[in-house]
Every structure is written in C-alpha cells, then in structure tokens.
Amino acid sequence: YTYVFTTGGIGPTHDDITADSIAKAFSVPCEYDAKAYAMLEASYAARGIEYTEARKRMARMPRGADHIDNPVSIAPGFRIGNVHVMAGVPSIFQAMLDNVVPTLKAGTKMLSVTVQCPFGEGLIGGPLADIQKAHSDTIIGSYPKYGDGKFWTELVVRARSEEALEAARRDVEAMVAGLAKAAG
C-alpha cells in the first residue's frame, strides 16, 4: 500500500497497544521518544497535573518514527515508513490528519466519468468486459441501482489521461446505445 493510516490505540491505558504493534511490525523497539516525553512533561507541568506512568505511555513510539503533531492535546502520533498512526478521538484525529495530508505525495490525478445505463448488469456484463479488455489503461466499474421499480446501472470509467478516458467513454456509450437499439 502507498499509505496506511491507523487511528486509536496510542493513549495512556494498558490496552493502547498500537505503538507496540507497529514497532513489532517494523522489527524495531518501542521506546520513549525524548521529544514527545519532554513535550508531554512540560504540558502537564504547566497545568499542574501529575505526569503519571500512564500518561508517559503516550510518549512511546517505534524507534526511528517521526512525530505527527497534535495541536489539540499535545501527545503526538507518529509516522514510520508508510504507516501513519493518529489518535482515535475524532476531533484530535482530524487535527492530526490536517498535518499529515500536506506531506503526502500524490500521483497522477485519476479522472472519471459516469455513463448511465438503463440495463442491469446481467445484460451488459459480457460487452463491458470486452470494452475493459480493449482499454487496459482504464478501470471500468459497474454499479447496479434500483429505484421506482426499475434496475439500471451506473458505469464509471476511470483513467489517468483524458484521451484514454474519452476513448473508453465513447465505447461504453456506444455499447449502451447498441443495447438500447436492440431492445427496441
């Protein structure tokens, strides 16, 4: 996978085992990170709150991991390899994710177009497979729908280039038109 994201399991309780699990997966020790430890220690001291052993657990991460900043509650998440580990509390996760997204490398943009087809998948399966084979640089998905007592299918064509997208779209539309004409 290009990226793996996990949420939760990096808090102060005994069942917060994500840091240990990720460290094991990467064959590195899980240990107290000096920077995270100091940040948490200072944060608790500033609020007059005891820095307990349980709270210190939030400074643990796999050796070699980078911090994911946490502007909400200070305790950082971490990134190691392609794995991004963030808090499970939704508002904290969102704040951390906002820090992660700008660091992600995006590939070529995937383009898509949807063709409405008034037929069910049983009728279009064969011809659609032939179109997919003819357009190996695209991904064509069929998504059955039902409403008002009728079945239909949305055909979604995806490609990284406009030319490939349009060529496959034309063939999908021609298939739908041909089936409609045959149906009379």
Foldseek 3Di string as FASTA:
>chain_A
DQAAEAAALLALDPRSCPQVVVLVVVVFHKDFDVVLQVQQVVVCVVVVHDCDNSRSSLRIHGPPWDWQAFPPNGRTWTDDDRYTYFYHPVVRRVRSVVSVVVVDDDDQDKDKDKDKAQDDCVVCVVVLVVLCVVLVQKDWDWDWDDDPHGIIIIIMIIHRDPVSRVVSVVSVVVVRVVVVVVVD
